[in-house]
Amino acid sequence: MLDTRELGRRPGSQHQVTLTVPAPADLGIEVLRVPEGSQVELDLRLEAVMEGVLVTGTAAVELVGECARCLDEISDESVVDLQELFVYEDQRHPSEEDDEVSTLKGDLVDLEPLLRDAVVLALPFQPLCEDDCPGMCPDCGARLKDDPDHAHDAPIDPRWAGLTALQHDEQDRD
């Protein structure tokens, strides 16, 4: 929660805020996330407008997860843009649904939903350890980065397996 009392309700008044907060739980997707309790650095500008408080800025987060191709550990940092209008409770119209409008609770702004939306939407759907990660062998699961010359014999169609046995018998007679 971020206090906005310093702004008052004077449209045009601004306040710059830089703070570090612990990351909430479950911030991310299944394969890439922000570790719970890690430091989230927020650089925000709060601006009073007629309807409420406009919050803009950035959030710098640490990311951990695994590569979608080879399952290697990934450790990275990301900076995401934040922007949201938090409407004063008395400015809110009863016809508006709760999910569509962010509301100030007294003079406090709850940044967690804004942070969660911005970070999750900025994450890659399939994170990679390297842009050209070769992944794993679909037949045996070997990491192709460790063994770039990895190969298997062409699979034998079971319908022709009997002929392959005959071919081996003929080669043995020669």
C-alpha atoms as a PDB file:
ATOM      1  CA  MET A   1       0.000   0.000   0.000  1.00  0.00           C
ATOM      2  CA  LEU A   2       1.225   3.449  -0.948  1.00  0.00           C
ATOM      3  CA  ASP A   3       0.046   6.596   0.846  1.00  0.00           C
ATOM      4  CA  THR A   4      -1.187   9.446  -1.394  1.00  0.00           C
ATOM      5  CA  ARG A   5      -2.123  12.012   1.301  1.00  0.00           C
ATOM      6  CA  GLU A   6       0.835  14.207   0.354  1.00  0.00           C
ATOM      7  CA  LEU A   7      -0.807  14.867  -3.036  1.00  0.00           C
ATOM      8  CA  GLY A   8      -4.093  16.009  -1.622  1.00  0.00           C
ATOM      9  CA  ARG A   9      -6.886  16.326  -4.129  1.00  0.00           C
ATOM     10  CA  ARG A  10      -5.268  19.144  -6.076  1.00  0.00           C
ATOM     11  CA  PRO A  11      -5.258  18.127  -9.783  1.00  0.00           C
ATOM     12  CA  GLY A  12      -1.815  18.606 -11.247  1.00  0.00           C
ATOM     13  CA  SER A  13       0.129  18.027  -8.033  1.00  0.00           C
ATOM     14  CA  GLN A  14       2.822  15.351  -8.379  1.00  0.00           C
ATOM     15  CA  HIS A  15       5.022  13.328  -6.115  1.00  0.00           C
ATOM     16  CA  GLN A  16       8.006  11.163  -7.088  1.00  0.00           C
ATOM     17  CA  VAL A  17       8.457   7.934  -5.084  1.00  0.00           C
ATOM     18  CA  THR A  18      11.355   5.483  -5.156  1.00  0.00           C
ATOM     19  CA  LEU A  19      11.064   2.464  -2.902  1.00  0.00           C
ATOM     20  CA  THR A  20      12.045  -1.157  -2.578  1.00  0.00           C
ATOM     21  CA  VAL A  21       9.419  -3.692  -1.541  1.00  0.00           C
ATOM     22  CA  PRO A  22       9.416  -7.489  -1.181  1.00  0.00           C
ATOM     23  CA  ALA A  23       7.856  -9.418  -4.064  1.00  0.00           C
ATOM     24  CA  PRO A  24       4.466 -10.974  -3.352  1.00  0.00           C
ATOM     25  CA  ALA A  25       3.865 -14.710  -3.645  1.00  0.00           C
ATOM     26  CA  ASP A  26       3.035 -16.303  -7.012  1.00  0.00           C
ATOM     27  CA  LEU A  27       4.281 -13.421  -9.137  1.00  0.00           C
ATOM     28  CA  GLY A  28       4.919 -14.939 -12.559  1.00  0.00           C
ATOM     29  CA  ILE A  29       4.048 -17.936 -14.681  1.00  0.00           C
ATOM     30  CA  GLU A  30       4.775 -21.633 -14.241  1.00  0.00           C
ATOM     31  CA  VAL A  31       8.236 -21.611 -15.867  1.00  0.00           C
ATOM     32  CA  LEU A  32       9.393 -18.069 -15.004  1.00  0.00           C
ATOM     33  CA  ARG A  33       8.675 -16.095 -11.848  1.00  0.00           C
ATOM     34  CA  VAL A  34       9.821 -13.451  -9.401  1.00  0.00           C
ATOM     35  CA  PRO A  35      11.005 -15.217  -6.220  1.00  0.00           C
ATOM     36  CA  GLU A  36       8.747 -14.461  -3.270  1.00  0.00           C
ATOM     37  CA  GLY A  37      10.348 -11.894  -0.977  1.00  0.00           C
ATOM     38  CA  SER A  38      12.976 -10.782  -3.518  1.00  0.00           C
ATOM     39  CA  GLN A  39      13.515  -7.051  -3.893  1.00  0.00           C
ATOM     40  CA  VAL A  40      11.248  -5.141  -6.297  1.00  0.00           C
ATOM     41  CA  GLU A  41      12.554  -1.647  -7.010  1.00  0.00           C
ATOM     42  CA  LEU A  42       9.780   0.805  -7.796  1.00  0.00           C
ATOM     43  CA  ASP A  43      10.338   4.206  -9.379  1.00  0.00           C
ATOM     44  CA  LEU A  44       6.929   5.886  -9.484  1.00  0.00           C
ATOM     45  CA  ARG A  45       5.318   9.212 -10.185  1.00  0.00           C
ATOM     46  CA  LEU A  46       1.999   9.882  -8.461  1.00  0.00           C
ATOM     47  CA  GLU A  47      -0.107  12.579 -10.085  1.00  0.00           C
ATOM     48  CA  ALA A  48      -3.408  13.906  -8.772  1.00  0.00           C
ATOM     49  CA  VAL A  49      -6.064  14.185 -11.484  1.00  0.00           C
ATOM     50  CA  MET A  50      -9.776  15.062 -11.274  1.00  0.00           C
ATOM     51  CA  GLU A  51     -10.915  11.430 -10.923  1.00  0.00           C
ATOM     52  CA  GLY A  52      -8.161  10.145  -8.648  1.00  0.00           C
ATOM     53  CA  VAL A  53      -4.432   9.417  -8.700  1.00  0.00           C
ATOM     54  CA  LEU A  54      -2.512   8.431 -11.824  1.00  0.00           C
ATOM     55  CA  VAL A  55       0.427   6.140 -11.017  1.00  0.00           C
ATOM     56  CA  THR A  56       3.136   5.780 -13.680  1.00  0.00           C
ATOM     57  CA  GLY A  57       6.663   4.419 -13.485  1.00  0.00           C
ATOM     58  CA  THR A  58       8.738   1.273 -13.612  1.00  0.00           C
ATOM     59  CA  ALA A  59       9.365  -1.823 -11.532  1.00  0.00           C
ATOM     60  CA  ALA A  60      12.691  -3.679 -11.662  1.00  0.00           C
ATOM     61  CA  VAL A  61      12.365  -7.355 -10.747  1.00  0.00           C
ATOM     62  CA  GLU A  62      14.609 -10.417 -10.541  1.00  0.00           C
ATOM     63  CA  LEU A  63      13.419 -13.442 -12.544  1.00  0.00           C
ATOM     64  CA  VAL A  64      14.160 -17.134 -12.029  1.00  0.00           C
ATOM     65  CA  GLY A  65      12.861 -20.150 -13.874  1.00  0.00           C
ATOM     66  CA  GLU A  66      13.777 -22.727 -16.450  1.00  0.00           C
ATOM     67  CA  CYS A  67      14.318 -22.792 -20.177  1.00  0.00           C
ATOM     68  CA  ALA A  68      11.287 -24.089 -22.073  1.00  0.00           C
ATOM     69  CA  ARG A  69      13.528 -26.135 -24.407  1.00  0.00           C
ATOM     70  CA  CYS A  70      16.368 -27.609 -22.326  1.00  0.00           C
ATOM     71  CA  LEU A  71      15.127 -27.054 -18.736  1.00  0.00           C
ATOM     72  CA  ASP A  72      18.323 -25.183 -17.724  1.00  0.00           C
ATOM     73  CA  GLU A  73      18.012 -22.696 -14.891  1.00  0.00           C
ATOM     74  CA  ILE A  74      17.346 -19.109 -15.983  1.00  0.00           C
ATOM     75  CA  SER A  75      18.260 -16.085 -13.904  1.00  0.00           C
ATOM     76  CA  ASP A  76      17.510 -12.650 -15.325  1.00  0.00           C
ATOM     77  CA  GLU A  77      16.304  -9.162 -14.490  1.00  0.00           C
ATOM     78  CA  SER A  78      13.442  -7.255 -16.045  1.00  0.00           C
ATOM     79  CA  VAL A  79      12.123  -3.706 -15.920  1.00  0.00           C
ATOM     80  CA  VAL A  80       8.404  -3.326 -16.589  1.00  0.00           C
ATOM     81  CA  ASP A  81       6.368  -0.178 -17.142  1.00  0.00           C
ATOM     82  CA  LEU A  82       3.490   0.598 -14.812  1.00  0.00           C
ATOM     83  CA  GLN A  83       0.519   2.880 -15.421  1.00  0.00           C
ATOM     84  CA  GLU A  84      -2.846   2.876 -13.700  1.00  0.00           C
ATOM     85  CA  LEU A  85      -5.507   5.372 -12.693  1.00  0.00           C
ATOM     86  CA  PHE A  86      -6.757   4.826  -9.152  1.00  0.00           C
ATOM     87  CA  VAL A  87     -10.180   6.448  -8.814  1.00  0.00           C
ATOM     88  CA  TYR A  88     -11.338   8.163  -5.612  1.00  0.00           C
ATOM     89  CA  GLU A  89     -14.025   6.112  -3.875  1.00  0.00           C
ATOM     90  CA  ASP A  90     -16.528   8.980  -4.116  1.00  0.00           C
ATOM     91  CA  GLN A  91     -15.840   9.403  -7.878  1.00  0.00           C
ATOM     92  CA  ARG A  92     -16.746   5.834  -8.653  1.00  0.00           C
ATOM     93  CA  HIS A  93     -20.020   5.107 -10.435  1.00  0.00           C
ATOM     94  CA  PRO A  94     -22.161   2.245  -9.135  1.00  0.00           C
ATOM     95  CA  SER A  95     -22.582   0.866 -12.666  1.00  0.00           C
ATOM     96  CA  GLU A  96     -18.850   0.127 -12.978  1.00  0.00           C
ATOM     97  CA  GLU A  97     -17.763  -3.423 -12.257  1.00  0.00           C
ATOM     98  CA  ASP A  98     -15.137  -4.057  -9.584  1.00  0.00           C
ATOM     99  CA  ASP A  99     -12.672  -5.650 -12.029  1.00  0.00           C
ATOM    100  CA  GLU A 100     -12.562  -2.734 -14.440  1.00  0.00           C
ATOM    101  CA  VAL A 101     -11.626   0.149 -12.139  1.00  0.00           C
ATOM    102  CA  SER A 102      -8.845   0.442  -9.566  1.00  0.00           C
ATOM    103  CA  THR A 103     -10.008   2.358  -6.518  1.00  0.00           C
ATOM    104  CA  LEU A 104      -8.147   4.209  -3.789  1.00  0.00           C
ATOM    105  CA  LYS A 105      -8.881   2.747  -0.378  1.00  0.00           C
ATOM    106  CA  GLY A 106      -9.017   5.898   1.683  1.00  0.00           C
ATOM    107  CA  ASP A 107      -5.755   7.592   0.680  1.00  0.00           C
ATOM    108  CA  LEU A 108      -3.950   4.304  -0.020  1.00  0.00           C
ATOM    109  CA  VAL A 109      -3.032   2.750  -3.369  1.00  0.00           C
ATOM    110  CA  ASP A 110      -2.725  -1.054  -3.529  1.00  0.00           C
ATOM    111  CA  LEU A 111       0.117  -1.619  -6.008  1.00  0.00           C
ATOM    112  CA  GLU A 112       0.106  -5.441  -5.922  1.00  0.00           C
ATOM    113  CA  PRO A 113      -2.565  -6.002  -8.640  1.00  0.00           C
ATOM    114  CA  LEU A 114      -0.881  -3.394 -10.878  1.00  0.00           C
ATOM    115  CA  LEU A 115       2.539  -4.986 -10.348  1.00  0.00           C
ATOM    116  CA  ARG A 116       1.171  -8.495 -10.907  1.00  0.00           C
ATOM    117  CA  ASP A 117      -0.552  -7.547 -14.184  1.00  0.00           C
ATOM    118  CA  ALA A 118       2.468  -5.660 -15.547  1.00  0.00           C
ATOM    119  CA  VAL A 119       5.030  -8.356 -14.684  1.00  0.00           C
ATOM    120  CA  VAL A 120       2.997 -11.351 -15.862  1.00  0.00           C
ATOM    121  CA  LEU A 121       2.098  -9.687 -19.161  1.00  0.00           C
ATOM    122  CA  ALA A 122       5.745  -8.749 -19.789  1.00  0.00           C
ATOM    123  CA  LEU A 123       7.059 -12.299 -19.287  1.00  0.00           C
ATOM    124  CA  PRO A 124       7.842 -14.401 -22.370  1.00  0.00           C
ATOM    125  CA  PHE A 125       5.404 -17.258 -22.911  1.00  0.00           C
ATOM    126  CA  GLN A 126       8.271 -19.701 -23.416  1.00  0.00           C
ATOM    127  CA  PRO A 127      11.458 -18.370 -21.798  1.00  0.00           C
ATOM    128  CA  LEU A 128      14.765 -19.532 -23.287  1.00  0.00           C
ATOM    129  CA  CYS A 129      18.252 -19.701 -21.772  1.00  0.00           C
ATOM    130  CA  GLU A 130      19.658 -18.556 -25.151  1.00  0.00           C
ATOM    131  CA  ASP A 131      17.899 -17.343 -28.291  1.00  0.00           C
ATOM    132  CA  ASP A 132      19.213 -20.344 -30.261  1.00  0.00           C
ATOM    133  CA  CYS A 133      18.840 -23.006 -27.538  1.00  0.00           C
ATOM    134  CA  PRO A 134      18.756 -26.383 -29.331  1.00  0.00           C
ATOM    135  CA  GLY A 135      16.702 -28.032 -26.583  1.00  0.00           C
ATOM    136  CA  MET A 136      16.605 -31.754 -25.868  1.00  0.00           C
ATOM    137  CA  CYS A 137      16.555 -34.854 -28.052  1.00  0.00           C
ATOM    138  CA  PRO A 138      12.922 -35.936 -28.503  1.00  0.00           C
ATOM    139  CA  ASP A 139      13.954 -39.614 -28.531  1.00  0.00           C
ATOM    140  CA  CYS A 140      16.200 -39.941 -25.474  1.00  0.00           C
ATOM    141  CA  GLY A 141      16.127 -36.567 -23.685  1.00  0.00           C
ATOM    142  CA  ALA A 142      19.842 -35.769 -24.118  1.00  0.00           C
ATOM    143  CA  ARG A 143      20.696 -32.065 -23.920  1.00  0.00           C
ATOM    144  CA  LEU A 144      21.685 -31.040 -27.455  1.00  0.00           C
ATOM    145  CA  LYS A 145      23.728 -28.087 -26.151  1.00  0.00           C
ATOM    146  CA  ASP A 146      26.095 -30.542 -24.435  1.00  0.00           C
ATOM    147  CA  ASP A 147      26.274 -32.895 -27.441  1.00  0.00           C
ATOM    148  CA  PRO A 148      25.679 -30.995 -30.717  1.00  0.00           C
ATOM    149  CA  ASP A 149      26.524 -34.070 -32.842  1.00  0.00           C
ATOM    150  CA  HIS A 150      23.932 -36.219 -31.061  1.00  0.00           C
ATOM    151  CA  ALA A 151      22.015 -38.460 -33.484  1.00  0.00           C
ATOM    152  CA  HIS A 152      20.048 -41.701 -33.623  1.00  0.00           C
ATOM    153  CA  ASP A 153      19.669 -44.274 -36.389  1.00  0.00           C
ATOM    154  CA  ALA A 154      16.530 -43.742 -38.408  1.00  0.00           C
ATOM    155  CA  PRO A 155      13.638 -45.581 -36.779  1.00  0.00           C
ATOM    156  CA  ILE A 156      12.475 -48.710 -38.535  1.00  0.00           C
ATOM    157  CA  ASP A 157       8.858 -48.862 -39.539  1.00  0.00           C
ATOM    158  CA  PRO A 158       7.430 -51.927 -37.733  1.00  0.00           C
ATOM    159  CA  ARG A 159       5.685 -52.996 -40.939  1.00  0.00           C
ATOM    160  CA  TRP A 160       9.096 -53.490 -42.600  1.00  0.00           C
ATOM    161  CA  ALA A 161      10.952 -54.931 -39.598  1.00  0.00           C
ATOM    162  CA  GLY A 162      10.707 -58.479 -40.998  1.00  0.00           C
ATOM    163  CA  LEU A 163      12.455 -57.451 -44.209  1.00  0.00           C
ATOM    164  CA  THR A 164      15.251 -55.822 -42.196  1.00  0.00           C
ATOM    165  CA  ALA A 165      15.834 -59.160 -40.442  1.00  0.00           C
ATOM    166  CA  LEU A 166      16.039 -60.907 -43.836  1.00  0.00           C
ATOM    167  CA  GLN A 167      18.519 -58.298 -45.067  1.00  0.00           C
ATOM    168  CA  HIS A 168      20.770 -58.910 -42.031  1.00  0.00           C
ATOM    169  CA  ASP A 169      20.586 -62.698 -42.599  1.00  0.00           C
ATOM    170  CA  GLU A 170      21.640 -62.251 -46.239  1.00  0.00           C
ATOM    171  CA  GLN A 171      24.592 -60.033 -45.222  1.00  0.00           C
ATOM    172  CA  ASP A 172      25.707 -62.655 -42.692  1.00  0.00           C
ATOM    173  CA  ARG A 173      25.830 -65.362 -45.426  1.00  0.00           C
ATOM    174  CA  ASP A 174      28.148 -63.256 -47.604  1.00  0.00           C
END
